[in-house]
């Protein structure tokens, strides 16, 4: 990128503030300003980045070419559509929207305007995930645990759309086939919405994935294991590490020769990689790693899990 892209950040809560801080440091970006309806929070983040802070994000429209949207999910469509209508490229945090119809309207508008619409599925930018995706062959069984302690962040949505959606997106990318059936259960614990959930997905071709997500756990765990014929891979999202165990042939009757190998992973902050990818897409007109269409598919899968949970709670 030969020239810096003028960007804004709409919504500067915990995650939006990280977007702003990184944009302020990236050589390919010029952070023009931040916006948040919480005036005090907006002033605080704007001061820390030495940029303009406004309550009404539309005041930034004449000054920006691209923007990150990190407002509550219920406002994703309205804010994103306003930005797209103003000719601004958008990176919207996951989930892309509340409903599939909203997601389809957003992606259609971006296509109509010839603008980039990226979705913040940050784990797809985790170097360890990239390494596992690159070497995956034919997954047969996938086990995922994403457990975190309670936080007041993102309580407008359930744990499926808050946390599990990351793993639904990664698992779908690993398997590369359509979901044939799924079962799911979930319960609210500390909020009126589901805080802990488990989903079991069966894909065309026979692969099975078992995914657990919790935002009410004592310990923070983010791990994924992929089992294939003669080998399996263990991935730690937090540590950005992945280990492959492979079985090699031995003489008849001999003990299996199991070898362990660390996958090569260049550690780097996933959000930084995400923002750089978005800026590159804006500068070159290429597709970001996670497009609006991909974000819409992840949302559809998450909504299918939510529907299965609701049916299970009714005893259906």
C-alpha atoms as a PDB file:
ATOM      1  CA  UNK A   1       0.000   0.000   0.000  1.00  0.00           C
ATOM      2  CA  UNK A   2       1.679   3.176  -1.206  1.00  0.00           C
ATOM      3  CA  UNK A   3      -0.771   5.542   0.473  1.00  0.00           C
ATOM      4  CA  UNK A   4      -2.402   5.480   3.884  1.00  0.00           C
ATOM      5  CA  UNK A   5      -6.130   4.754   3.968  1.00  0.00           C
ATOM      6  CA  UNK A   6      -8.263   7.084   6.074  1.00  0.00           C
ATOM      7  CA  UNK A   7     -10.205   4.956   8.529  1.00  0.00           C
ATOM      8  CA  UNK A   8     -12.663   5.440  11.355  1.00  0.00           C
ATOM      9  CA  UNK A   9     -13.826   3.189  14.170  1.00  0.00           C
ATOM     10  CA  UNK A  10     -17.522   3.156  15.023  1.00  0.00           C
ATOM     11  CA  UNK A  11     -18.079   1.880  18.546  1.00  0.00           C
ATOM     12  CA  UNK A  12     -15.093   2.025  20.883  1.00  0.00           C
ATOM     13  CA  UNK A  13     -15.928  -0.385  23.642  1.00  0.00           C
ATOM     14  CA  UNK A  14     -13.373  -3.002  24.615  1.00  0.00           C
ATOM     15  CA  UNK A  15     -12.920  -4.391  21.094  1.00  0.00           C
ATOM     16  CA  UNK A  16     -13.421  -1.187  19.150  1.00  0.00           C
ATOM     17  CA  UNK A  17     -10.745   0.516  21.243  1.00  0.00           C
ATOM     18  CA  UNK A  18      -8.296  -2.212  20.179  1.00  0.00           C
ATOM     19  CA  UNK A  19      -9.173  -1.550  16.538  1.00  0.00           C
ATOM     20  CA  UNK A  20      -8.503   2.156  17.039  1.00  0.00           C
ATOM     21  CA  UNK A  21      -5.170   1.575  18.787  1.00  0.00           C
ATOM     22  CA  UNK A  22      -3.933  -0.733  16.032  1.00  0.00           C
ATOM     23  CA  UNK A  23      -5.075   1.534  13.201  1.00  0.00           C
ATOM     24  CA  UNK A  24      -3.212   4.394  14.865  1.00  0.00           C
ATOM     25  CA  UNK A  25      -0.027   2.315  14.704  1.00  0.00           C
ATOM     26  CA  UNK A  26      -0.340   0.648  11.285  1.00  0.00           C
ATOM     27  CA  UNK A  27       1.649   2.319   8.480  1.00  0.00           C
ATOM     28  CA  UNK A  28      -1.094   1.571   5.912  1.00  0.00           C
ATOM     29  CA  UNK A  29      -3.766   3.435   7.849  1.00  0.00           C
ATOM     30  CA  UNK A  30      -4.538   6.966   8.915  1.00  0.00           C
ATOM     31  CA  UNK A  31      -6.970   6.921  11.849  1.00  0.00           C
ATOM     32  CA  UNK A  32      -9.177   9.920  11.112  1.00  0.00           C
ATOM     33  CA  UNK A  33     -11.464   9.582  14.111  1.00  0.00           C
ATOM     34  CA  UNK A  34     -13.604   7.420  16.367  1.00  0.00           C
ATOM     35  CA  UNK A  35     -17.294   7.502  17.222  1.00  0.00           C
ATOM     36  CA  UNK A  36     -19.378   6.221  20.115  1.00  0.00           C
ATOM     37  CA  UNK A  37     -22.730   7.217  21.607  1.00  0.00           C
ATOM     38  CA  UNK A  38     -21.061   7.077  25.036  1.00  0.00           C
ATOM     39  CA  UNK A  39     -19.481  10.539  24.934  1.00  0.00           C
ATOM     40  CA  UNK A  40     -17.172   9.959  27.892  1.00  0.00           C
ATOM     41  CA  UNK A  41     -15.828   6.707  26.471  1.00  0.00           C
ATOM     42  CA  UNK A  42     -15.461   8.303  23.053  1.00  0.00           C
ATOM     43  CA  UNK A  43     -13.383  11.175  24.453  1.00  0.00           C
ATOM     44  CA  UNK A  44     -11.192   8.753  26.390  1.00  0.00           C
ATOM     45  CA  UNK A  45     -10.341   6.568  23.373  1.00  0.00           C
ATOM     46  CA  UNK A  46      -9.978   9.553  21.040  1.00  0.00           C
ATOM     47  CA  UNK A  47      -7.514  11.178  23.434  1.00  0.00           C
ATOM     48  CA  UNK A  48      -5.479   7.980  23.774  1.00  0.00           C
ATOM     49  CA  UNK A  49      -5.149   7.816  19.973  1.00  0.00           C
ATOM     50  CA  UNK A  50      -4.811  11.598  19.516  1.00  0.00           C
ATOM     51  CA  UNK A  51      -7.720  11.781  17.055  1.00  0.00           C
ATOM     52  CA  UNK A  52     -11.144  13.344  16.793  1.00  0.00           C
ATOM     53  CA  UNK A  53     -13.982  11.739  18.747  1.00  0.00           C
ATOM     54  CA  UNK A  54     -17.646  12.213  17.833  1.00  0.00           C
ATOM     55  CA  UNK A  55     -20.948  10.925  19.173  1.00  0.00           C
ATOM     56  CA  UNK A  56     -22.602  10.799  15.718  1.00  0.00           C
ATOM     57  CA  UNK A  57     -20.524   8.586  13.408  1.00  0.00           C
ATOM     58  CA  UNK A  58     -21.964  10.325  10.336  1.00  0.00           C
ATOM     59  CA  UNK A  59     -19.743  13.315  11.136  1.00  0.00           C
ATOM     60  CA  UNK A  60     -16.789  11.132  10.122  1.00  0.00           C
ATOM     61  CA  UNK A  61     -18.196  10.119   6.729  1.00  0.00           C
ATOM     62  CA  UNK A  62     -16.607  12.939   4.670  1.00  0.00           C
ATOM     63  CA  UNK A  63     -13.199  12.109   6.146  1.00  0.00           C
ATOM     64  CA  UNK A  64     -12.917   8.326   5.865  1.00  0.00           C
ATOM     65  CA  UNK A  65     -12.514   5.703   3.143  1.00  0.00           C
ATOM     66  CA  UNK A  66     -12.967   2.683   5.392  1.00  0.00           C
ATOM     67  CA  UNK A  67     -14.284   1.883   8.849  1.00  0.00           C
ATOM     68  CA  UNK A  68     -14.439  -0.790  11.520  1.00  0.00           C
ATOM     69  CA  UNK A  69     -17.888  -1.311  13.024  1.00  0.00           C
ATOM     70  CA  UNK A  70     -17.786  -2.572  16.611  1.00  0.00           C
ATOM     71  CA  UNK A  71     -21.183  -1.450  17.877  1.00  0.00           C
ATOM     72  CA  UNK A  72     -23.678  -3.890  19.477  1.00  0.00           C
ATOM     73  CA  UNK A  73     -24.875  -6.541  17.018  1.00  0.00           C
ATOM     74  CA  UNK A  74     -28.408  -5.131  16.895  1.00  0.00           C
ATOM     75  CA  UNK A  75     -26.979  -1.996  15.238  1.00  0.00           C
ATOM     76  CA  UNK A  76     -24.648  -3.703  12.752  1.00  0.00           C
ATOM     77  CA  UNK A  77     -27.009  -3.476   9.790  1.00  0.00           C
ATOM     78  CA  UNK A  78     -28.028   0.162  10.290  1.00  0.00           C
ATOM     79  CA  UNK A  79     -24.486   1.439  10.781  1.00  0.00           C
ATOM     80  CA  UNK A  80     -22.971  -0.698   8.025  1.00  0.00           C
ATOM     81  CA  UNK A  81     -25.627   0.290   5.498  1.00  0.00           C
ATOM     82  CA  UNK A  82     -25.122   3.974   6.257  1.00  0.00           C
ATOM     83  CA  UNK A  83     -21.374   3.592   5.724  1.00  0.00           C
ATOM     84  CA  UNK A  84     -21.797   1.654   2.484  1.00  0.00           C
ATOM     85  CA  UNK A  85     -24.288   4.218   1.179  1.00  0.00           C
ATOM     86  CA  UNK A  86     -21.645   6.877   1.841  1.00  0.00           C
ATOM     87  CA  UNK A  87     -19.077   4.912  -0.203  1.00  0.00           C
ATOM     88  CA  UNK A  88     -17.113   3.640   2.805  1.00  0.00           C
ATOM     89  CA  UNK A  89     -15.580   0.148   2.903  1.00  0.00           C
ATOM     90  CA  UNK A  90     -16.571  -1.771   6.060  1.00  0.00           C
ATOM     91  CA  UNK A  91     -15.073  -4.294   8.442  1.00  0.00           C
ATOM     92  CA  UNK A  92     -17.936  -5.314  10.727  1.00  0.00           C
ATOM     93  CA  UNK A  93     -17.355  -7.371  13.845  1.00  0.00           C
ATOM     94  CA  UNK A  94     -18.868 -10.828  14.122  1.00  0.00           C
ATOM     95  CA  UNK A  95     -21.599 -11.872  14.043  1.00  0.00           C
ATOM     96  CA  UNK A  96     -22.232  -9.926  10.860  1.00  0.00           C
ATOM     97  CA  UNK A  97     -25.827  -9.231  11.883  1.00  0.00           C
ATOM     98  CA  UNK A  98     -28.748 -10.433  13.977  1.00  0.00           C
ATOM     99  CA  UNK A  99     -30.551 -12.247  11.169  1.00  0.00           C
ATOM    100  CA  UNK A 100     -29.659 -13.859   7.864  1.00  0.00           C
ATOM    101  CA  UNK A 101     -31.878 -11.392   6.019  1.00  0.00           C
ATOM    102  CA  UNK A 102     -29.919  -8.493   7.500  1.00  0.00           C
ATOM    103  CA  UNK A 103     -26.646 -10.131   6.430  1.00  0.00           C
ATOM    104  CA  UNK A 104     -27.944 -10.643   2.895  1.00  0.00           C
ATOM    105  CA  UNK A 105     -28.996  -7.007   2.612  1.00  0.00           C
ATOM    106  CA  UNK A 106     -25.567  -5.873   3.793  1.00  0.00           C
ATOM    107  CA  UNK A 107     -23.643  -8.084   1.361  1.00  0.00           C
ATOM    108  CA  UNK A 108     -25.946  -7.131  -1.507  1.00  0.00           C
ATOM    109  CA  UNK A 109     -25.429  -3.414  -0.825  1.00  0.00           C
ATOM    110  CA  UNK A 110     -21.652  -3.829  -0.731  1.00  0.00           C
ATOM    111  CA  UNK A 111     -21.745  -5.625  -4.099  1.00  0.00           C
ATOM    112  CA  UNK A 112     -23.997  -2.953  -5.598  1.00  0.00           C
ATOM    113  CA  UNK A 113     -21.616  -0.203  -4.478  1.00  0.00           C
ATOM    114  CA  UNK A 114     -18.448  -2.099  -5.410  1.00  0.00           C
ATOM    115  CA  UNK A 115     -17.188  -1.871  -1.834  1.00  0.00           C
ATOM    116  CA  UNK A 116     -15.333  -4.315   0.426  1.00  0.00           C
ATOM    117  CA  UNK A 117     -17.336  -5.843   3.269  1.00  0.00           C
ATOM    118  CA  UNK A 118     -15.214  -7.881   5.678  1.00  0.00           C
ATOM    119  CA  UNK A 119     -16.362  -9.687   8.821  1.00  0.00           C
ATOM    120  CA  UNK A 120     -14.271  -9.893  11.990  1.00  0.00           C
ATOM    121  CA  UNK A 121     -13.921 -13.639  12.477  1.00  0.00           C
ATOM    122  CA  UNK A 122     -10.576 -13.029  14.140  1.00  0.00           C
ATOM    123  CA  UNK A 123      -9.674 -16.680  14.699  1.00  0.00           C
ATOM    124  CA  UNK A 124      -9.346 -17.148  10.942  1.00  0.00           C
ATOM    125  CA  UNK A 125      -6.361 -14.805  11.246  1.00  0.00           C
ATOM    126  CA  UNK A 126      -4.796 -16.817  14.081  1.00  0.00           C
ATOM    127  CA  UNK A 127      -1.487 -18.132  12.651  1.00  0.00           C
ATOM    128  CA  UNK A 128      -2.078 -21.529  14.282  1.00  0.00           C
ATOM    129  CA  UNK A 129      -5.492 -21.838  12.614  1.00  0.00           C
ATOM    130  CA  UNK A 130      -3.952 -20.925   9.268  1.00  0.00           C
ATOM    131  CA  UNK A 131      -1.308 -23.646   9.770  1.00  0.00           C
ATOM    132  CA  UNK A 132      -3.916 -26.293  10.603  1.00  0.00           C
ATOM    133  CA  UNK A 133      -6.158 -25.311   7.689  1.00  0.00           C
ATOM    134  CA  UNK A 134      -3.187 -25.555   5.309  1.00  0.00           C
ATOM    135  CA  UNK A 135      -2.320 -29.140   6.290  1.00  0.00           C
ATOM    136  CA  UNK A 136      -5.794 -30.544   6.902  1.00  0.00           C
ATOM    137  CA  UNK A 137      -6.751 -33.511   4.688  1.00  0.00           C
ATOM    138  CA  UNK A 138     -10.044 -35.239   5.512  1.00  0.00           C
ATOM    139  CA  UNK A 139     -11.219 -34.531   9.072  1.00  0.00           C
ATOM    140  CA  UNK A 140     -13.300 -37.318  10.597  1.00  0.00           C
ATOM    141  CA  UNK A 141     -13.911 -35.962  14.087  1.00  0.00           C
ATOM    142  CA  UNK A 142     -13.339 -32.491  15.525  1.00  0.00           C
ATOM    143  CA  UNK A 143     -13.536 -31.568  19.210  1.00  0.00           C
ATOM    144  CA  UNK A 144     -13.588 -27.913  20.287  1.00  0.00           C
ATOM    145  CA  UNK A 145     -13.715 -26.244  23.697  1.00  0.00           C
ATOM    146  CA  UNK A 146     -14.002 -22.466  23.991  1.00  0.00           C
ATOM    147  CA  UNK A 147     -14.468 -21.588  27.643  1.00  0.00           C
ATOM    148  CA  UNK A 148     -14.203 -18.123  29.168  1.00  0.00           C
ATOM    149  CA  UNK A 149     -15.034 -16.304  32.360  1.00  0.00           C
ATOM    150  CA  UNK A 150     -18.024 -14.002  32.602  1.00  0.00           C
ATOM    151  CA  UNK A 151     -17.736 -10.543  31.060  1.00  0.00           C
ATOM    152  CA  UNK A 152     -20.395  -7.849  30.601  1.00  0.00           C
ATOM    153  CA  UNK A 153     -19.323  -7.596  26.940  1.00  0.00           C
ATOM    154  CA  UNK A 154     -21.695  -8.819  24.177  1.00  0.00           C
ATOM    155  CA  UNK A 155     -24.596  -9.697  26.460  1.00  0.00           C
ATOM    156  CA  UNK A 156     -27.014  -8.614  23.736  1.00  0.00           C
ATOM    157  CA  UNK A 157     -26.435 -12.022  22.122  1.00  0.00           C
ATOM    158  CA  UNK A 158     -26.179 -15.613  23.370  1.00  0.00           C
ATOM    159  CA  UNK A 159     -22.931 -17.574  23.730  1.00  0.00           C
ATOM    160  CA  UNK A 160     -23.439 -19.232  20.332  1.00  0.00           C
ATOM    161  CA  UNK A 161     -23.314 -15.945  18.429  1.00  0.00           C
ATOM    162  CA  UNK A 162     -20.816 -14.441  20.878  1.00  0.00           C
ATOM    163  CA  UNK A 163     -18.188 -17.219  21.118  1.00  0.00           C
ATOM    164  CA  UNK A 164     -19.168 -20.484  19.412  1.00  0.00           C
ATOM    165  CA  UNK A 165     -19.549 -18.761  16.040  1.00  0.00           C
ATOM    166  CA  UNK A 166     -15.739 -18.492  15.856  1.00  0.00           C
ATOM    167  CA  UNK A 167     -15.419 -22.261  15.977  1.00  0.00           C
ATOM    168  CA  UNK A 168     -18.399 -22.918  13.734  1.00  0.00           C
ATOM    169  CA  UNK A 169     -16.622 -20.819  11.104  1.00  0.00           C
ATOM    170  CA  UNK A 170     -13.258 -22.581  11.578  1.00  0.00           C
ATOM    171  CA  UNK A 171     -14.803 -26.070  11.630  1.00  0.00           C
ATOM    172  CA  UNK A 172     -16.815 -25.364   8.477  1.00  0.00           C
ATOM    173  CA  UNK A 173     -13.617 -24.222   6.760  1.00  0.00           C
ATOM    174  CA  UNK A 174     -11.770 -27.372   7.922  1.00  0.00           C
ATOM    175  CA  UNK A 175     -14.430 -29.796   6.726  1.00  0.00           C
ATOM    176  CA  UNK A 176     -15.395 -27.930   3.561  1.00  0.00           C
ATOM    177  CA  UNK A 177     -18.777 -29.673   3.262  1.00  0.00           C
ATOM    178  CA  UNK A 178     -22.384 -28.920   4.078  1.00  0.00           C
ATOM    179  CA  UNK A 179     -23.897 -29.726   7.454  1.00  0.00           C
ATOM    180  CA  UNK A 180     -26.243 -32.700   7.185  1.00  0.00           C
ATOM    181  CA  UNK A 181     -27.715 -32.561  10.698  1.00  0.00           C
ATOM    182  CA  UNK A 182     -27.046 -31.031  14.099  1.00  0.00           C
ATOM    183  CA  UNK A 183     -28.106 -31.329  17.708  1.00  0.00           C
ATOM    184  CA  UNK A 184     -27.560 -28.696  20.368  1.00  0.00           C
ATOM    185  CA  UNK A 185     -28.314 -27.899  23.990  1.00  0.00           C
ATOM    186  CA  UNK A 186     -27.755 -24.744  25.998  1.00  0.00           C
ATOM    187  CA  UNK A 187     -28.765 -23.045  29.210  1.00  0.00           C
ATOM    188  CA  UNK A 188     -28.716 -19.509  30.629  1.00  0.00           C
ATOM    189  CA  UNK A 189     -26.682 -19.216  33.829  1.00  0.00           C
ATOM    190  CA  UNK A 190     -25.825 -15.610  34.661  1.00  0.00           C
ATOM    191  CA  UNK A 191     -27.860 -13.822  31.985  1.00  0.00           C
ATOM    192  CA  UNK A 192     -31.312 -14.233  30.414  1.00  0.00           C
ATOM    193  CA  UNK A 193     -29.599 -15.640  27.295  1.00  0.00           C
ATOM    194  CA  UNK A 194     -27.826 -18.983  26.834  1.00  0.00           C
ATOM    195  CA  UNK A 195     -24.380 -18.793  28.487  1.00  0.00           C
ATOM    196  CA  UNK A 196     -23.131 -22.346  27.934  1.00  0.00           C
ATOM    197  CA  UNK A 197     -23.884 -24.504  24.919  1.00  0.00           C
ATOM    198  CA  UNK A 198     -22.866 -27.683  23.158  1.00  0.00           C
ATOM    199  CA  UNK A 199     -23.473 -28.534  19.507  1.00  0.00           C
ATOM    200  CA  UNK A 200     -22.864 -31.759  17.609  1.00  0.00           C
ATOM    201  CA  UNK A 201     -22.704 -31.365  13.839  1.00  0.00           C
ATOM    202  CA  UNK A 202     -22.677 -34.082  11.179  1.00  0.00           C
ATOM    203  CA  UNK A 203     -21.377 -33.117   7.749  1.00  0.00           C
ATOM    204  CA  UNK A 204     -21.843 -34.623   4.313  1.00  0.00           C
ATOM    205  CA  UNK A 205     -19.109 -37.232   3.949  1.00  0.00           C
ATOM    206  CA  UNK A 206     -19.395 -38.382   7.564  1.00  0.00           C
ATOM    207  CA  UNK A 207     -17.294 -35.889   9.527  1.00  0.00           C
ATOM    208  CA  UNK A 208     -18.570 -35.074  13.021  1.00  0.00           C
ATOM    209  CA  UNK A 209     -17.792 -32.004  15.143  1.00  0.00           C
ATOM    210  CA  UNK A 210     -18.514 -31.568  18.839  1.00  0.00           C
ATOM    211  CA  UNK A 211     -18.295 -27.928  19.950  1.00  0.00           C
ATOM    212  CA  UNK A 212     -18.660 -26.547  23.476  1.00  0.00           C
ATOM    213  CA  UNK A 213     -18.730 -22.842  24.303  1.00  0.00           C
ATOM    214  CA  UNK A 214     -19.111 -21.186  27.695  1.00  0.00           C
ATOM    215  CA  UNK A 215     -18.826 -17.650  29.015  1.00  0.00           C
ATOM    216  CA  UNK A 216     -19.310 -18.681  32.658  1.00  0.00           C
ATOM    217  CA  UNK A 217     -16.235 -20.872  33.228  1.00  0.00           C
ATOM    218  CA  UNK A 218     -13.562 -20.371  35.830  1.00  0.00           C
ATOM    219  CA  UNK A 219     -10.675 -21.097  33.474  1.00  0.00           C
ATOM    220  CA  UNK A 220     -10.040 -19.773  29.980  1.00  0.00           C
ATOM    221  CA  UNK A 221      -9.669 -22.606  27.476  1.00  0.00           C
ATOM    222  CA  UNK A 222      -9.603 -22.311  23.684  1.00  0.00           C
ATOM    223  CA  UNK A 223      -8.591 -25.599  22.091  1.00  0.00           C
ATOM    224  CA  UNK A 224      -9.436 -27.595  18.988  1.00  0.00           C
ATOM    225  CA  UNK A 225      -8.477 -31.139  18.041  1.00  0.00           C
ATOM    226  CA  UNK A 226      -8.826 -32.595  14.556  1.00  0.00           C
ATOM    227  CA  UNK A 227      -8.772 -36.370  14.039  1.00  0.00           C
ATOM    228  CA  UNK A 228      -8.018 -37.817  10.613  1.00  0.00           C
ATOM    229  CA  UNK A 229      -6.957 -41.245   9.402  1.00  0.00           C
ATOM    230  CA  UNK A 230      -3.580 -42.100  10.986  1.00  0.00           C
ATOM    231  CA  UNK A 231      -3.090 -38.704  12.601  1.00  0.00           C
ATOM    232  CA  UNK A 232      -4.543 -35.924  14.707  1.00  0.00           C
ATOM    233  CA  UNK A 233      -3.732 -32.278  15.354  1.00  0.00           C
ATOM    234  CA  UNK A 234      -4.116 -30.408  18.641  1.00  0.00           C
ATOM    235  CA  UNK A 235      -4.481 -26.635  18.346  1.00  0.00           C
ATOM    236  CA  UNK A 236      -4.304 -24.074  21.149  1.00  0.00           C
ATOM    237  CA  UNK A 237      -5.884 -20.803  20.004  1.00  0.00           C
ATOM    238  CA  UNK A 238      -4.456 -18.812  22.917  1.00  0.00           C
ATOM    239  CA  UNK A 239      -0.895 -20.085  22.672  1.00  0.00           C
ATOM    240  CA  UNK A 240      -1.030 -19.912  18.860  1.00  0.00           C
ATOM    241  CA  UNK A 241       0.455 -23.393  18.712  1.00  0.00           C
ATOM    242  CA  UNK A 242      -0.411 -26.644  16.956  1.00  0.00           C
ATOM    243  CA  UNK A 243       1.004 -30.150  17.363  1.00  0.00           C
ATOM    244  CA  UNK A 244       0.505 -33.004  14.906  1.00  0.00           C
ATOM    245  CA  UNK A 245       0.657 -36.654  15.958  1.00  0.00           C
ATOM    246  CA  UNK A 246       1.073 -39.116  13.086  1.00  0.00           C
ATOM    247  CA  UNK A 247       1.070 -42.913  12.917  1.00  0.00           C
ATOM    248  CA  UNK A 248       3.646 -44.481  10.589  1.00  0.00           C
ATOM    249  CA  UNK A 249       3.565 -48.083   9.320  1.00  0.00           C
ATOM    250  CA  UNK A 250       5.608 -50.710  11.212  1.00  0.00           C
ATOM    251  CA  UNK A 251       6.319 -54.405  10.780  1.00  0.00           C
ATOM    252  CA  UNK A 252       3.316 -56.674  11.162  1.00  0.00           C
ATOM    253  CA  UNK A 253       2.443 -56.988  14.814  1.00  0.00           C
ATOM    254  CA  UNK A 254       4.815 -54.213  15.858  1.00  0.00           C
ATOM    255  CA  UNK A 255       3.884 -51.306  18.090  1.00  0.00           C
ATOM    256  CA  UNK A 256       2.554 -48.245  16.231  1.00  0.00           C
ATOM    257  CA  UNK A 257       5.207 -45.647  15.441  1.00  0.00           C
ATOM    258  CA  UNK A 258       3.633 -42.380  16.600  1.00  0.00           C
ATOM    259  CA  UNK A 259       5.617 -39.242  15.884  1.00  0.00           C
ATOM    260  CA  UNK A 260       4.933 -35.763  17.200  1.00  0.00           C
ATOM    261  CA  UNK A 261       5.666 -32.627  15.215  1.00  0.00           C
ATOM    262  CA  UNK A 262       5.136 -28.958  16.026  1.00  0.00           C
ATOM    263  CA  UNK A 263       3.530 -27.172  13.105  1.00  0.00           C
ATOM    264  CA  UNK A 264       5.417 -24.072  12.050  1.00  0.00           C
ATOM    265  CA  UNK A 265       3.518 -21.067  13.354  1.00  0.00           C
ATOM    266  CA  UNK A 266       4.730 -17.473  13.136  1.00  0.00           C
ATOM    267  CA  UNK A 267       3.068 -15.859  16.124  1.00  0.00           C
ATOM    268  CA  UNK A 268       1.334 -12.544  15.471  1.00  0.00           C
ATOM    269  CA  UNK A 269      -1.700 -10.746  16.872  1.00  0.00           C
ATOM    270  CA  UNK A 270      -4.742 -12.047  14.923  1.00  0.00           C
ATOM    271  CA  UNK A 271      -6.572  -8.706  15.068  1.00  0.00           C
ATOM    272  CA  UNK A 272      -3.563  -6.933  13.586  1.00  0.00           C
ATOM    273  CA  UNK A 273      -3.488  -9.449  10.736  1.00  0.00           C
ATOM    274  CA  UNK A 274      -7.222  -8.956  10.249  1.00  0.00           C
ATOM    275  CA  UNK A 275      -6.899  -5.179   9.957  1.00  0.00           C
ATOM    276  CA  UNK A 276      -3.954  -5.460   7.565  1.00  0.00           C
ATOM    277  CA  UNK A 277      -5.945  -7.864   5.400  1.00  0.00           C
ATOM    278  CA  UNK A 278      -8.884  -5.439   5.350  1.00  0.00           C
ATOM    279  CA  UNK A 279      -6.652  -2.516   4.420  1.00  0.00           C
ATOM    280  CA  UNK A 280      -5.059  -4.574   1.647  1.00  0.00           C
ATOM    281  CA  UNK A 281      -8.493  -5.495   0.291  1.00  0.00           C
ATOM    282  CA  UNK A 282      -9.516  -1.826   0.277  1.00  0.00           C
ATOM    283  CA  UNK A 283      -6.283  -0.756  -1.417  1.00  0.00           C
ATOM    284  CA  UNK A 284      -6.265  -3.452  -4.107  1.00  0.00           C
ATOM    285  CA  UNK A 285      -9.947  -4.274  -4.596  1.00  0.00           C
ATOM    286  CA  UNK A 286      -9.319  -7.900  -3.650  1.00  0.00           C
ATOM    287  CA  UNK A 287     -11.562  -9.959  -1.372  1.00  0.00           C
ATOM    288  CA  UNK A 288     -10.725 -10.028   2.341  1.00  0.00           C
ATOM    289  CA  UNK A 289     -10.063 -13.430   3.910  1.00  0.00           C
ATOM    290  CA  UNK A 290     -13.537 -13.420   5.485  1.00  0.00           C
ATOM    291  CA  UNK A 291     -16.061 -11.816   3.153  1.00  0.00           C
ATOM    292  CA  UNK A 292     -19.574 -10.686   3.967  1.00  0.00           C
ATOM    293  CA  UNK A 293     -20.887 -13.832   2.300  1.00  0.00           C
ATOM    294  CA  UNK A 294     -18.693 -16.003   4.529  1.00  0.00           C
ATOM    295  CA  UNK A 295     -19.810 -14.095   7.591  1.00  0.00           C
ATOM    296  CA  UNK A 296     -23.406 -14.660   6.509  1.00  0.00           C
ATOM    297  CA  UNK A 297     -22.837 -18.418   6.235  1.00  0.00           C
ATOM    298  CA  UNK A 298     -21.291 -18.526   9.706  1.00  0.00           C
ATOM    299  CA  UNK A 299     -24.315 -16.641  11.047  1.00  0.00           C
ATOM    300  CA  UNK A 300     -26.717 -19.067   9.345  1.00  0.00           C
ATOM    301  CA  UNK A 301     -24.930 -21.999  10.967  1.00  0.00           C
ATOM    302  CA  UNK A 302     -25.015 -20.281  14.365  1.00  0.00           C
ATOM    303  CA  UNK A 303     -28.729 -19.590  13.976  1.00  0.00           C
ATOM    304  CA  UNK A 304     -29.275 -23.269  13.135  1.00  0.00           C
ATOM    305  CA  UNK A 305     -27.552 -24.158  16.413  1.00  0.00           C
ATOM    306  CA  UNK A 306     -29.751 -21.677  18.292  1.00  0.00           C
ATOM    307  CA  UNK A 307     -32.850 -23.160  16.679  1.00  0.00           C
ATOM    308  CA  UNK A 308     -31.758 -26.687  17.660  1.00  0.00           C
ATOM    309  CA  UNK A 309     -31.184 -25.511  21.259  1.00  0.00           C
ATOM    310  CA  UNK A 310     -34.645 -23.990  21.413  1.00  0.00           C
ATOM    311  CA  UNK A 311     -36.232 -27.165  20.058  1.00  0.00           C
ATOM    312  CA  UNK A 312     -34.308 -29.259  22.573  1.00  0.00           C
ATOM    313  CA  UNK A 313     -35.464 -27.031  25.439  1.00  0.00           C
ATOM    314  CA  UNK A 314     -39.057 -27.659  24.362  1.00  0.00           C
ATOM    315  CA  UNK A 315     -38.430 -31.389  24.291  1.00  0.00           C
ATOM    316  CA  UNK A 316     -38.876 -31.677  20.530  1.00  0.00           C
END
